[in-house]
């Protein structure tokens, strides 16, 4: 009888979790299916995707922090880090439709502000640059993609529809519809167009390569 009671309790909890997650996190679930070609099964996404699990923990911890509950929000964020390898401070402000792909090593600092439909790949850091208190983490606009290992540091703003390349280090404001690559990050326009939500990393423009190409063209004109 006891075993049946335990099994029934687990089934009820699992059902409530599915109902709760399906409704509250529908934007994040949709983002997962839209942006990850490997996502084909609802149950798999809900139970096994570390990025989604980290966001669920964050939402609960953030709500508790807003209610000024002590200790528990940070405890939940640390449990999420142990489970997923993703650390999101409960004080961060995150919009709808965040998608964290793979996610290991992702860090989102306390005063970070993340817009809607943002995509973060593994190893991304939204961090501070010192021991200053107050607003010290970046503001990330809507529809921004930050590639693997990208670092956005300090109280700066990354404009809407921008793309931060893999391993780029960004320490200055980025205007909307821009691409940033390199260390330190260099800004190039992606022909003034919104980044493709399918995240085509292959055709990202490199400003250094563009400068070299422009110099080559100028030399050819001078030689003629």
N, C-alpha and C. Protein backbone atom coordinates (compact mmCIF):
# COMPACT_ATOMS: atom_id res chain seq x y z
N UNK A 1 0.82 -1.21 0.00
CA UNK A 1 0.00 0.00 0.00
C UNK A 1 0.86 1.26 0.00
N UNK A 2 1.91 1.23 0.81
CA UNK A 2 2.81 2.39 0.91
C UNK A 2 3.49 2.65 -0.43
N UNK A 3 3.92 1.57 -1.09
CA UNK A 3 4.59 1.73 -2.39
C UNK A 3 3.64 2.33 -3.42
N UNK A 4 2.39 1.88 -3.43
CA UNK A 4 1.40 2.42 -4.36
C UNK A 4 1.14 3.90 -4.08
N UNK A 5 1.11 4.26 -2.79
CA UNK A 5 0.90 5.66 -2.40
C UNK A 5 2.06 6.53 -2.90
N UNK A 6 3.29 6.03 -2.76
CA UNK A 6 4.47 6.77 -3.20
C UNK A 6 4.45 6.95 -4.72
N UNK A 7 4.12 5.85 -5.42
CA UNK A 7 4.05 5.91 -6.89
C UNK A 7 2.99 6.91 -7.34
N UNK A 8 1.83 6.88 -6.68
CA UNK A 8 0.74 7.80 -7.01
C UNK A 8 1.16 9.24 -6.76
N UNK A 9 1.84 9.47 -5.64
CA UNK A 9 2.32 10.82 -5.31
C UNK A 9 3.29 11.32 -6.36
N UNK A 10 4.22 10.46 -6.78
CA UNK A 10 5.20 10.84 -7.81
C UNK A 10 4.50 11.17 -9.12
N UNK A 11 3.52 10.38 -9.49
CA UNK A 11 2.78 10.61 -10.74
C UNK A 11 2.02 11.94 -10.69
N UNK A 12 1.42 12.23 -9.53
CA UNK A 12 0.69 13.49 -9.38
C UNK A 12 1.64 14.68 -9.48
N UNK A 13 2.78 14.59 -8.80
CA UNK A 13 3.78 15.66 -8.86
C UNK A 13 4.28 15.85 -10.29
N UNK A 14 4.55 14.75 -10.98
CA UNK A 14 5.03 14.83 -12.37
C UNK A 14 3.97 15.48 -13.27
N UNK A 15 2.70 15.10 -13.06
CA UNK A 15 1.62 15.69 -13.87
C UNK A 15 1.50 17.18 -13.62
N UNK A 16 1.56 17.58 -12.34
CA UNK A 16 1.48 19.00 -12.01
C UNK A 16 2.64 19.76 -12.60
N UNK A 17 3.83 19.15 -12.58
CA UNK A 17 5.02 19.79 -13.18
C UNK A 17 4.83 20.00 -14.67
N UNK A 18 4.33 18.99 -15.38
CA UNK A 18 4.12 19.10 -16.82
C UNK A 18 3.10 20.20 -17.15
N UNK A 19 2.02 20.24 -16.38
CA UNK A 19 0.99 21.24 -16.61
C UNK A 19 1.54 22.64 -16.34
N UNK A 20 2.22 22.78 -15.20
CA UNK A 20 2.80 24.06 -14.80
C UNK A 20 3.83 24.55 -15.81
N UNK A 21 4.76 23.67 -16.17
CA UNK A 21 5.83 24.05 -17.09
C UNK A 21 5.29 24.35 -18.48
N UNK A 22 4.35 23.55 -18.94
CA UNK A 22 3.79 23.73 -20.28
C UNK A 22 3.13 25.10 -20.43
N UNK A 23 2.51 25.58 -19.36
CA UNK A 23 1.80 26.86 -19.42
C UNK A 23 2.74 28.04 -19.13
N UNK A 24 3.46 27.96 -18.02
CA UNK A 24 4.29 29.09 -17.59
C UNK A 24 5.49 29.29 -18.51
N UNK A 25 6.07 28.19 -19.02
CA UNK A 25 7.31 28.28 -19.79
C UNK A 25 7.09 27.96 -21.27
N UNK A 26 5.89 28.25 -21.75
CA UNK A 26 5.59 27.92 -23.15
C UNK A 26 6.48 28.69 -24.12
N UNK A 27 6.87 29.94 -23.77
CA UNK A 27 7.74 30.72 -24.67
C UNK A 27 9.12 30.09 -24.76
N UNK A 28 9.65 29.64 -23.63
CA UNK A 28 10.97 29.01 -23.64
C UNK A 28 10.94 27.65 -24.33
N UNK A 29 9.85 26.91 -24.12
CA UNK A 29 9.71 25.61 -24.79
C UNK A 29 9.62 25.80 -26.30
N UNK A 30 8.83 26.80 -26.72
CA UNK A 30 8.70 27.10 -28.15
C UNK A 30 10.06 27.52 -28.73
N UNK A 31 10.81 28.34 -27.97
CA UNK A 31 12.13 28.78 -28.43
C UNK A 31 13.06 27.59 -28.63
N UNK A 32 12.96 26.61 -27.74
CA UNK A 32 13.81 25.42 -27.86
C UNK A 32 13.52 24.67 -29.15
N UNK A 33 12.25 24.46 -29.43
CA UNK A 33 11.87 23.75 -30.66
C UNK A 33 12.21 24.57 -31.91
N UNK A 34 12.07 25.90 -31.82
CA UNK A 34 12.35 26.76 -32.98
C UNK A 34 13.84 26.82 -33.32
N UNK A 35 14.70 26.78 -32.28
CA UNK A 35 16.12 27.08 -32.49
C UNK A 35 17.05 25.88 -32.35
N UNK A 36 16.53 24.74 -31.93
CA UNK A 36 17.38 23.56 -31.80
C UNK A 36 16.82 22.44 -32.67
N UNK A 37 17.49 22.11 -33.77
CA UNK A 37 16.99 21.05 -34.65
C UNK A 37 16.95 19.69 -33.99
N UNK A 38 17.68 19.52 -32.89
CA UNK A 38 17.68 18.23 -32.18
C UNK A 38 16.45 18.07 -31.30
N UNK A 39 15.72 19.16 -31.07
CA UNK A 39 14.55 19.10 -30.20
C UNK A 39 13.34 18.61 -30.99
N UNK A 40 12.94 17.39 -30.74
CA UNK A 40 11.81 16.80 -31.48
C UNK A 40 10.76 16.20 -30.56
N UNK A 41 11.07 16.09 -29.28
CA UNK A 41 10.17 15.40 -28.35
C UNK A 41 9.90 16.29 -27.14
N UNK A 42 8.62 16.58 -26.88
CA UNK A 42 8.24 17.48 -25.79
C UNK A 42 8.74 16.98 -24.44
N UNK A 43 8.55 15.70 -24.16
CA UNK A 43 8.96 15.13 -22.89
C UNK A 43 10.47 15.25 -22.70
N UNK A 44 11.21 14.99 -23.76
CA UNK A 44 12.67 15.08 -23.71
C UNK A 44 13.12 16.51 -23.40
N UNK A 45 12.51 17.49 -24.07
CA UNK A 45 12.86 18.90 -23.85
C UNK A 45 12.57 19.30 -22.41
N UNK A 46 11.42 18.91 -21.91
CA UNK A 46 11.00 19.32 -20.58
C UNK A 46 11.85 18.70 -19.47
N UNK A 47 12.30 17.46 -19.68
CA UNK A 47 13.00 16.75 -18.62
C UNK A 47 14.52 16.77 -18.75
N UNK A 48 15.02 16.89 -19.97
CA UNK A 48 16.45 16.66 -20.19
C UNK A 48 17.23 17.85 -20.72
N UNK A 49 16.58 18.94 -21.05
CA UNK A 49 17.30 20.10 -21.58
C UNK A 49 17.76 20.99 -20.43
N UNK A 50 19.07 21.04 -20.22
CA UNK A 50 19.63 21.77 -19.08
C UNK A 50 19.28 23.25 -19.12
N UNK A 51 19.29 23.84 -20.32
CA UNK A 51 18.98 25.25 -20.43
C UNK A 51 17.59 25.58 -19.93
N UNK A 52 16.62 24.77 -20.32
CA UNK A 52 15.24 24.99 -19.88
C UNK A 52 15.11 24.78 -18.38
N UNK A 53 15.77 23.75 -17.86
CA UNK A 53 15.71 23.49 -16.42
C UNK A 53 16.30 24.66 -15.63
N UNK A 54 17.41 25.22 -16.13
CA UNK A 54 18.04 26.36 -15.45
C UNK A 54 17.11 27.57 -15.44
N UNK A 55 16.39 27.78 -16.53
CA UNK A 55 15.45 28.91 -16.61
C UNK A 55 14.29 28.70 -15.64
N UNK A 56 13.80 27.46 -15.54
CA UNK A 56 12.71 27.18 -14.60
C UNK A 56 13.15 27.47 -13.17
N UNK A 57 14.33 27.00 -12.79
CA UNK A 57 14.88 27.29 -11.46
C UNK A 57 15.00 28.80 -11.26
N UNK A 58 15.51 29.49 -12.29
CA UNK A 58 15.71 30.95 -12.19
C UNK A 58 14.37 31.65 -11.95
N UNK A 59 13.33 31.28 -12.72
CA UNK A 59 12.04 31.97 -12.58
C UNK A 59 11.50 31.84 -11.15
N UNK A 60 11.63 30.66 -10.58
CA UNK A 60 11.15 30.45 -9.21
C UNK A 60 12.00 31.26 -8.23
N UNK A 61 13.34 31.19 -8.39
CA UNK A 61 14.24 31.91 -7.49
C UNK A 61 14.04 33.42 -7.60
N UNK A 62 13.83 33.92 -8.83
CA UNK A 62 13.63 35.35 -9.05
C UNK A 62 12.34 35.82 -8.37
N UNK A 63 11.27 35.02 -8.49
CA UNK A 63 10.00 35.38 -7.84
C UNK A 63 10.17 35.44 -6.32
N UNK A 64 10.92 34.48 -5.75
CA UNK A 64 11.15 34.48 -4.31
C UNK A 64 11.99 35.68 -3.89
N UNK A 65 12.97 36.04 -4.72
CA UNK A 65 13.80 37.20 -4.39
C UNK A 65 12.99 38.49 -4.41
N UNK A 66 12.07 38.61 -5.37
CA UNK A 66 11.22 39.80 -5.44
C UNK A 66 10.31 39.90 -4.21
N UNK A 67 9.99 38.74 -3.64
CA UNK A 67 9.19 38.72 -2.40
C UNK A 67 10.07 38.90 -1.16
N UNK A 68 11.38 39.13 -1.41
CA UNK A 68 12.36 39.37 -0.33
C UNK A 68 12.52 38.17 0.59
N UNK A 69 12.35 36.98 0.04
CA UNK A 69 12.62 35.76 0.81
C UNK A 69 14.14 35.60 0.93
N UNK A 70 14.68 35.46 2.14
CA UNK A 70 16.13 35.34 2.29
C UNK A 70 16.63 33.93 1.97
N UNK A 71 17.89 33.86 1.57
CA UNK A 71 18.65 32.60 1.43
C UNK A 71 18.14 31.66 0.34
N UNK A 72 16.86 31.37 0.31
CA UNK A 72 16.31 30.35 -0.58
C UNK A 72 16.56 30.65 -2.07
N UNK A 73 16.42 31.91 -2.54
CA UNK A 73 16.69 32.16 -3.96
C UNK A 73 18.10 31.76 -4.39
N UNK A 74 19.11 32.12 -3.59
CA UNK A 74 20.48 31.75 -3.92
C UNK A 74 20.70 30.25 -3.81
N UNK A 75 20.04 29.62 -2.85
CA UNK A 75 20.14 28.17 -2.72
C UNK A 75 19.62 27.50 -3.98
N UNK A 76 18.48 27.96 -4.50
CA UNK A 76 17.92 27.39 -5.72
C UNK A 76 18.85 27.61 -6.91
N UNK A 77 19.44 28.80 -7.00
CA UNK A 77 20.33 29.08 -8.13
C UNK A 77 21.58 28.19 -8.08
N UNK A 78 22.06 27.92 -6.87
CA UNK A 78 23.24 27.05 -6.74
C UNK A 78 22.89 25.59 -7.02
N UNK A 79 21.70 25.17 -6.63
CA UNK A 79 21.24 23.82 -6.98
C UNK A 79 21.12 23.67 -8.49
N UNK A 80 20.61 24.72 -9.15
CA UNK A 80 20.50 24.70 -10.61
C UNK A 80 21.88 24.62 -11.25
N UNK A 81 22.84 25.34 -10.68
CA UNK A 81 24.21 25.30 -11.22
C UNK A 81 24.80 23.89 -11.10
N UNK A 82 24.56 23.25 -9.96
CA UNK A 82 25.07 21.89 -9.78
C UNK A 82 24.43 20.92 -10.76
N UNK A 83 23.15 21.11 -11.03
CA UNK A 83 22.41 20.19 -11.91
C UNK A 83 22.70 20.44 -13.39
N UNK A 84 22.88 21.71 -13.76
CA UNK A 84 22.92 22.06 -15.19
C UNK A 84 24.23 22.65 -15.67
N UNK A 85 25.08 23.11 -14.75
CA UNK A 85 26.30 23.81 -15.16
C UNK A 85 26.04 25.24 -15.59
N UNK A 86 24.83 25.75 -15.34
CA UNK A 86 24.44 27.11 -15.72
C UNK A 86 24.15 27.89 -14.45
N UNK A 87 24.75 29.07 -14.31
CA UNK A 87 24.55 29.88 -13.11
C UNK A 87 23.83 31.18 -13.49
N UNK A 88 22.59 31.32 -13.04
CA UNK A 88 21.82 32.53 -13.26
C UNK A 88 21.49 33.13 -11.90
N UNK A 89 21.98 34.33 -11.66
CA UNK A 89 21.69 34.97 -10.37
C UNK A 89 20.21 35.30 -10.30
N UNK A 90 19.56 35.02 -9.16
CA UNK A 90 18.12 35.29 -9.06
C UNK A 90 17.77 36.76 -9.18
N UNK A 91 18.75 37.64 -9.03
CA UNK A 91 18.50 39.07 -9.17
C UNK A 91 18.45 39.55 -10.61
N UNK A 92 18.91 38.74 -11.56
CA UNK A 92 18.90 39.13 -12.97
C UNK A 92 17.47 39.30 -13.46
N UNK A 93 17.31 40.13 -14.51
CA UNK A 93 16.00 40.34 -15.12
C UNK A 93 16.03 39.75 -16.53
N UNK A 94 15.18 38.77 -16.79
CA UNK A 94 15.22 38.04 -18.06
C UNK A 94 13.84 38.03 -18.70
N UNK A 95 13.78 38.39 -19.98
CA UNK A 95 12.53 38.43 -20.71
C UNK A 95 12.07 37.06 -21.17
N UNK A 96 11.10 37.05 -22.07
CA UNK A 96 10.52 35.80 -22.55
C UNK A 96 11.37 35.18 -23.65
N UNK A 97 11.23 33.86 -23.80
CA UNK A 97 11.82 33.17 -24.94
C UNK A 97 13.32 33.01 -24.91
N UNK A 98 13.94 33.05 -23.72
CA UNK A 98 15.38 32.80 -23.63
C UNK A 98 15.67 31.35 -24.00
N UNK A 99 16.69 31.15 -24.84
CA UNK A 99 17.12 29.80 -25.20
C UNK A 99 18.60 29.67 -24.89
N UNK A 100 18.94 28.73 -24.02
CA UNK A 100 20.34 28.45 -23.67
C UNK A 100 20.70 27.11 -24.28
N UNK A 101 21.56 27.11 -25.30
CA UNK A 101 21.91 25.89 -26.03
C UNK A 101 23.08 25.19 -25.36
N UNK A 102 22.92 23.94 -25.02
CA UNK A 102 23.91 23.16 -24.25
C UNK A 102 24.07 23.80 -22.87
N UNK A 103 24.72 24.94 -22.80
CA UNK A 103 24.65 25.75 -21.59
C UNK A 103 25.77 25.64 -20.60
N UNK A 104 26.57 24.59 -20.63
CA UNK A 104 27.62 24.43 -19.62
C UNK A 104 28.51 25.66 -19.57
N UNK A 105 28.69 26.20 -18.36
CA UNK A 105 29.56 27.35 -18.19
C UNK A 105 28.90 28.70 -18.40
N UNK A 106 27.61 28.74 -18.71
CA UNK A 106 26.91 30.02 -18.85
C UNK A 106 26.75 30.67 -17.48
N UNK A 107 27.08 31.97 -17.42
CA UNK A 107 26.94 32.74 -16.18
C UNK A 107 26.20 34.04 -16.50
N UNK A 108 25.14 34.31 -15.76
CA UNK A 108 24.38 35.56 -15.91
C UNK A 108 24.40 36.26 -14.56
N UNK A 109 25.03 37.44 -14.52
CA UNK A 109 25.24 38.15 -13.26
C UNK A 109 24.00 38.80 -12.69
N UNK A 110 24.14 39.27 -11.47
CA UNK A 110 23.01 39.74 -10.66
C UNK A 110 22.23 40.88 -11.30
N UNK A 111 22.90 41.87 -11.88
CA UNK A 111 22.20 43.04 -12.40
C UNK A 111 22.06 43.00 -13.92
N UNK A 112 22.24 41.82 -14.50
CA UNK A 112 22.05 41.67 -15.95
C UNK A 112 20.58 41.87 -16.29
N UNK A 113 20.35 42.48 -17.46
CA UNK A 113 19.00 42.62 -18.00
C UNK A 113 19.01 41.98 -19.39
N UNK A 114 18.20 40.98 -19.60
CA UNK A 114 18.17 40.22 -20.85
C UNK A 114 16.79 40.39 -21.48
N UNK A 115 16.75 40.78 -22.74
CA UNK A 115 15.50 41.03 -23.43
C UNK A 115 14.79 39.76 -23.86
N UNK A 116 13.87 39.90 -24.79
CA UNK A 116 13.08 38.77 -25.28
C UNK A 116 13.79 38.05 -26.42
N UNK A 117 13.56 36.74 -26.50
CA UNK A 117 14.04 35.91 -27.62
C UNK A 117 15.55 35.96 -27.79
N UNK A 118 16.26 35.94 -26.68
CA UNK A 118 17.73 35.94 -26.69
C UNK A 118 18.23 34.49 -26.72
N UNK A 119 19.35 34.28 -27.40
CA UNK A 119 19.97 32.95 -27.48
C UNK A 119 21.39 33.01 -26.94
N UNK A 120 21.71 32.14 -26.00
CA UNK A 120 23.05 32.04 -25.42
C UNK A 120 23.58 30.64 -25.65
N UNK A 121 24.82 30.55 -26.14
CA UNK A 121 25.47 29.26 -26.29
C UNK A 121 26.38 28.99 -25.09
N UNK A 122 26.95 27.79 -25.05
CA UNK A 122 27.73 27.38 -23.89
C UNK A 122 28.92 28.31 -23.67
N UNK A 123 29.24 28.50 -22.38
CA UNK A 123 30.40 29.30 -22.02
C UNK A 123 30.18 30.80 -22.06
N UNK A 124 28.97 31.26 -22.27
CA UNK A 124 28.69 32.70 -22.33
C UNK A 124 28.72 33.28 -20.91
N UNK A 125 29.32 34.48 -20.78
CA UNK A 125 29.33 35.19 -19.51
C UNK A 125 28.74 36.58 -19.68
N UNK A 126 27.74 36.89 -18.89
CA UNK A 126 27.25 38.26 -18.76
C UNK A 126 27.70 38.71 -17.39
N UNK A 127 28.87 39.36 -17.35
CA UNK A 127 29.53 39.60 -16.07
C UNK A 127 29.86 41.06 -15.81
N UNK A 128 30.41 41.28 -14.62
CA UNK A 128 30.87 42.61 -14.22
C UNK A 128 32.35 42.77 -14.50
N UNK A 129 32.87 43.95 -14.21
CA UNK A 129 34.29 44.23 -14.47
C UNK A 129 35.05 44.65 -13.22
N UNK A 130 34.42 44.63 -12.08
CA UNK A 130 35.10 45.04 -10.86
C UNK A 130 34.26 44.73 -9.64
N UNK A 131 34.57 45.44 -8.56
CA UNK A 131 33.87 45.21 -7.29
C UNK A 131 32.82 46.27 -7.01
N UNK A 132 32.52 47.09 -8.02
CA UNK A 132 31.50 48.13 -7.83
C UNK A 132 30.15 47.50 -7.51
N UNK A 133 29.40 48.17 -6.66
CA UNK A 133 28.05 47.73 -6.38
C UNK A 133 27.08 48.45 -7.31
N UNK A 134 25.81 48.11 -7.21
CA UNK A 134 24.85 48.74 -8.10
C UNK A 134 24.85 48.07 -9.47
N UNK A 135 24.41 48.79 -10.48
CA UNK A 135 24.31 48.24 -11.84
C UNK A 135 25.70 48.02 -12.41
N UNK A 136 26.09 46.77 -12.61
CA UNK A 136 27.45 46.46 -13.04
C UNK A 136 27.51 45.37 -14.10
N UNK A 137 26.34 44.91 -14.55
CA UNK A 137 26.27 43.86 -15.56
C UNK A 137 25.56 44.38 -16.80
N UNK A 138 25.69 43.69 -17.93
CA UNK A 138 25.20 44.22 -19.20
C UNK A 138 23.69 44.16 -19.37
N UNK A 139 23.23 44.99 -20.33
CA UNK A 139 21.85 44.97 -20.80
C UNK A 139 21.85 44.37 -22.21
N UNK A 140 21.14 43.29 -22.39
CA UNK A 140 21.09 42.59 -23.67
C UNK A 140 19.73 42.83 -24.30
N UNK A 141 19.71 43.36 -25.53
CA UNK A 141 18.46 43.69 -26.20
C UNK A 141 17.70 42.46 -26.68
N UNK A 142 16.63 42.71 -27.40
CA UNK A 142 15.80 41.64 -27.94
C UNK A 142 16.46 40.97 -29.14
N UNK A 143 16.20 39.68 -29.31
CA UNK A 143 16.65 38.91 -30.48
C UNK A 143 18.17 38.89 -30.64
N UNK A 144 18.90 38.97 -29.55
CA UNK A 144 20.36 38.93 -29.58
C UNK A 144 20.84 37.49 -29.50
N UNK A 145 21.89 37.18 -30.27
CA UNK A 145 22.53 35.86 -30.22
C UNK A 145 23.96 36.05 -29.74
N UNK A 146 24.36 35.30 -28.72
CA UNK A 146 25.74 35.35 -28.20
C UNK A 146 26.35 33.97 -28.38
N UNK A 147 27.40 33.90 -29.22
CA UNK A 147 28.01 32.63 -29.58
C UNK A 147 28.83 32.02 -28.46
N UNK A 148 29.29 30.81 -28.70
CA UNK A 148 30.03 30.03 -27.71
C UNK A 148 31.20 30.82 -27.13
N UNK A 149 31.26 30.89 -25.81
CA UNK A 149 32.38 31.53 -25.14
C UNK A 149 32.35 33.04 -25.17
N UNK A 150 31.28 33.65 -25.68
CA UNK A 150 31.19 35.11 -25.73
C UNK A 150 31.15 35.71 -24.33
N UNK A 151 31.86 36.83 -24.14
CA UNK A 151 31.90 37.52 -22.85
C UNK A 151 31.41 38.95 -23.05
N UNK A 152 30.35 39.31 -22.35
CA UNK A 152 29.84 40.68 -22.37
C UNK A 152 29.96 41.21 -20.95
N UNK A 153 30.82 42.22 -20.76
CA UNK A 153 31.24 42.59 -19.41
C UNK A 153 30.97 44.06 -19.11
N UNK A 154 30.44 44.31 -17.93
CA UNK A 154 30.23 45.67 -17.47
C UNK A 154 28.82 46.17 -17.76
N UNK A 155 28.57 47.39 -17.29
CA UNK A 155 27.26 48.01 -17.47
C UNK A 155 27.18 48.64 -18.86
N UNK A 156 27.07 47.78 -19.86
CA UNK A 156 27.00 48.21 -21.25
C UNK A 156 25.71 47.67 -21.87
N UNK A 157 25.41 48.13 -23.08
CA UNK A 157 24.19 47.71 -23.76
C UNK A 157 24.52 47.09 -25.10
N UNK A 158 23.93 45.94 -25.35
CA UNK A 158 24.00 45.29 -26.66
C UNK A 158 22.64 45.50 -27.32
N UNK A 159 22.62 46.21 -28.45
CA UNK A 159 21.38 46.57 -29.09
C UNK A 159 20.62 45.40 -29.67
N UNK A 160 19.34 45.64 -29.96
CA UNK A 160 18.47 44.60 -30.52
C UNK A 160 19.05 44.01 -31.81
N UNK A 161 18.75 42.73 -32.01
CA UNK A 161 19.06 42.03 -33.27
C UNK A 161 20.56 41.91 -33.54
N UNK A 162 21.38 41.99 -32.50
CA UNK A 162 22.83 41.91 -32.69
C UNK A 162 23.33 40.50 -32.47
N UNK A 163 24.54 40.25 -33.00
CA UNK A 163 25.18 38.94 -32.88
C UNK A 163 26.57 39.12 -32.30
N UNK A 164 26.86 38.41 -31.21
CA UNK A 164 28.18 38.41 -30.59
C UNK A 164 28.85 37.09 -30.96
N UNK A 165 29.96 37.18 -31.69
CA UNK A 165 30.61 35.98 -32.19
C UNK A 165 31.24 35.14 -31.11
N UNK A 166 31.58 33.91 -31.46
CA UNK A 166 32.20 32.98 -30.52
C UNK A 166 33.49 33.55 -29.96
N UNK A 167 33.63 33.50 -28.64
CA UNK A 167 34.82 33.93 -27.90
C UNK A 167 35.10 35.42 -27.98
N UNK A 168 34.16 36.21 -28.49
CA UNK A 168 34.33 37.66 -28.50
C UNK A 168 34.26 38.20 -27.06
N UNK A 169 35.00 39.27 -26.80
CA UNK A 169 34.96 39.93 -25.50
C UNK A 169 34.45 41.35 -25.73
N UNK A 170 33.27 41.64 -25.22
CA UNK A 170 32.61 42.91 -25.48
C UNK A 170 32.62 43.75 -24.20
N UNK A 171 33.23 44.95 -24.29
CA UNK A 171 33.31 45.83 -23.12
C UNK A 171 32.81 47.24 -23.44
N UNK A 172 32.24 47.42 -24.65
CA UNK A 172 31.67 48.71 -25.03
C UNK A 172 30.27 48.48 -25.61
N UNK A 173 29.47 49.53 -25.61
CA UNK A 173 28.12 49.44 -26.16
C UNK A 173 28.13 48.96 -27.60
N UNK A 174 27.12 48.20 -27.95
CA UNK A 174 26.96 47.68 -29.31
C UNK A 174 25.65 48.22 -29.87
N UNK A 175 25.68 48.91 -31.01
CA UNK A 175 24.43 49.42 -31.59
C UNK A 175 23.57 48.29 -32.13
N UNK A 176 22.28 48.54 -32.35
CA UNK A 176 21.40 47.50 -32.89
C UNK A 176 21.88 47.00 -34.25
N UNK A 177 21.48 45.78 -34.59
CA UNK A 177 21.75 45.17 -35.90
C UNK A 177 23.24 45.08 -36.21
N UNK A 178 24.03 44.81 -35.19
CA UNK A 178 25.49 44.74 -35.37
C UNK A 178 26.00 43.34 -35.13
N UNK A 179 27.20 43.08 -35.66
CA UNK A 179 27.93 41.85 -35.36
C UNK A 179 29.23 42.24 -34.70
N UNK A 180 29.60 41.51 -33.64
CA UNK A 180 30.84 41.79 -32.92
C UNK A 180 31.69 40.52 -32.91
N UNK A 181 32.96 40.65 -33.31
CA UNK A 181 33.88 39.52 -33.25
C UNK A 181 35.20 39.98 -32.67
N UNK A 182 35.98 39.03 -32.16
CA UNK A 182 37.36 39.32 -31.75
C UNK A 182 37.51 39.70 -30.30
N UNK A 183 38.80 39.88 -29.92
CA UNK A 183 39.21 40.27 -28.58
C UNK A 183 40.18 41.43 -28.68
N UNK A 184 39.84 42.64 -28.23
CA UNK A 184 38.49 43.02 -27.77
C UNK A 184 37.51 43.03 -28.94
N UNK A 185 36.24 43.01 -28.64
CA UNK A 185 35.22 42.92 -29.67
C UNK A 185 35.25 44.09 -30.63
N UNK A 186 35.18 43.80 -31.92
CA UNK A 186 35.12 44.83 -32.96
C UNK A 186 33.75 44.74 -33.63
N UNK A 187 33.17 45.90 -33.88
CA UNK A 187 31.81 45.95 -34.39
C UNK A 187 31.81 46.04 -35.91
N UNK A 188 30.96 45.26 -36.52
CA UNK A 188 30.71 45.38 -37.95
C UNK A 188 29.22 45.26 -38.18
N UNK A 189 28.71 45.98 -39.14
CA UNK A 189 27.29 45.87 -39.47
C UNK A 189 27.05 44.62 -40.30
N UNK A 190 25.97 43.93 -40.00
CA UNK A 190 25.56 42.79 -40.80
C UNK A 190 24.62 43.31 -41.89
N UNK A 191 25.12 44.26 -42.68
CA UNK A 191 24.36 44.88 -43.76
C UNK A 191 23.04 45.46 -43.26
N UNK A 192 23.04 45.90 -41.98
CA UNK A 192 21.86 46.53 -41.42
C UNK A 192 20.66 45.61 -41.27
N UNK A 193 20.88 44.30 -41.33
CA UNK A 193 19.78 43.36 -41.28
C UNK A 193 19.71 42.67 -39.92
N UNK A 194 18.50 42.28 -39.56
CA UNK A 194 18.31 41.49 -38.35
C UNK A 194 18.96 40.13 -38.52
N UNK A 195 19.62 39.65 -37.45
CA UNK A 195 20.24 38.33 -37.51
C UNK A 195 19.19 37.25 -37.71
N UNK A 196 19.51 36.28 -38.53
CA UNK A 196 18.60 35.16 -38.79
C UNK A 196 18.41 34.36 -37.50
N UNK A 197 17.16 34.13 -37.15
CA UNK A 197 16.88 33.39 -35.92
C UNK A 197 17.43 31.97 -35.98
N UNK A 198 17.75 31.47 -37.18
CA UNK A 198 18.33 30.15 -37.32
C UNK A 198 19.82 30.17 -36.98
N UNK A 199 20.37 31.36 -36.71
CA UNK A 199 21.71 31.51 -36.18
C UNK A 199 22.78 30.95 -37.13
N UNK A 200 22.91 31.59 -38.28
CA UNK A 200 23.89 31.18 -39.28
C UNK A 200 25.25 31.74 -38.90
N UNK A 201 26.06 30.93 -38.20
CA UNK A 201 27.37 31.40 -37.74
C UNK A 201 28.40 31.42 -38.85
N UNK A 202 28.16 30.72 -39.92
CA UNK A 202 29.17 30.55 -40.97
C UNK A 202 29.44 31.86 -41.70
N UNK A 203 28.38 32.66 -41.91
CA UNK A 203 28.52 33.85 -42.73
C UNK A 203 28.67 35.13 -41.91
N UNK A 204 29.14 35.01 -40.67
CA UNK A 204 29.38 36.18 -39.86
C UNK A 204 30.52 37.00 -40.43
N UNK A 205 30.32 38.31 -40.53
CA UNK A 205 31.35 39.19 -41.08
C UNK A 205 32.42 39.47 -40.05
N UNK A 206 33.69 39.38 -40.47
CA UNK A 206 34.82 39.69 -39.61
C UNK A 206 35.37 41.05 -40.02
N UNK A 207 35.34 42.07 -39.13
CA UNK A 207 35.79 43.40 -39.53
C UNK A 207 37.25 43.47 -39.92
N UNK A 208 38.11 42.65 -39.30
CA UNK A 208 39.53 42.66 -39.66
C UNK A 208 39.71 42.13 -41.08
N UNK A 209 39.03 41.03 -41.38
CA UNK A 209 39.09 40.48 -42.73
C UNK A 209 38.53 41.48 -43.74
N UNK A 210 37.46 42.18 -43.36
CA UNK A 210 36.89 43.19 -44.26
C UNK A 210 37.90 44.30 -44.53
N UNK A 211 38.63 44.75 -43.48
CA UNK A 211 39.63 45.80 -43.66
C UNK A 211 40.74 45.35 -44.60
N UNK A 212 41.18 44.10 -44.42
CA UNK A 212 42.24 43.56 -45.29
C UNK A 212 41.78 43.51 -46.73
N UNK A 213 40.55 43.04 -46.93
CA UNK A 213 39.99 42.98 -48.28
C UNK A 213 39.90 44.37 -48.90
N UNK A 214 39.50 45.35 -48.10
CA UNK A 214 39.40 46.73 -48.60
C UNK A 214 40.77 47.27 -48.98
N UNK A 215 41.79 46.96 -48.17
CA UNK A 215 43.16 47.39 -48.48
C UNK A 215 43.66 46.75 -49.77
N UNK A 216 43.34 45.48 -49.94
CA UNK A 216 43.73 44.79 -51.17
C UNK A 216 43.10 45.45 -52.39
N UNK A 217 41.83 45.80 -52.27
CA UNK A 217 41.14 46.46 -53.38
C UNK A 217 41.75 47.82 -53.67
N UNK A 218 42.10 48.57 -52.63
CA UNK A 218 42.72 49.89 -52.82
C UNK A 218 44.08 49.77 -53.50
N UNK A 219 44.86 48.75 -53.09
CA UNK A 219 46.15 48.53 -53.72
C UNK A 219 46.00 48.19 -55.20
N UNK A 220 45.01 47.35 -55.47
CA UNK A 220 44.77 46.99 -56.88
C UNK A 220 44.39 48.21 -57.70
N UNK A 221 43.58 49.11 -57.13
CA UNK A 221 43.20 50.33 -57.85
C UNK A 221 44.39 51.23 -58.07
N UNK A 222 45.27 51.34 -57.03
CA UNK A 222 46.46 52.19 -57.16
C UNK A 222 47.43 51.63 -58.20
N UNK A 223 47.57 50.30 -58.22
CA UNK A 223 48.47 49.69 -59.20
C UNK A 223 47.99 49.92 -60.64
N UNK A 224 46.67 50.00 -60.81
CA UNK A 224 46.13 50.24 -62.15
C UNK A 224 46.34 51.68 -62.56
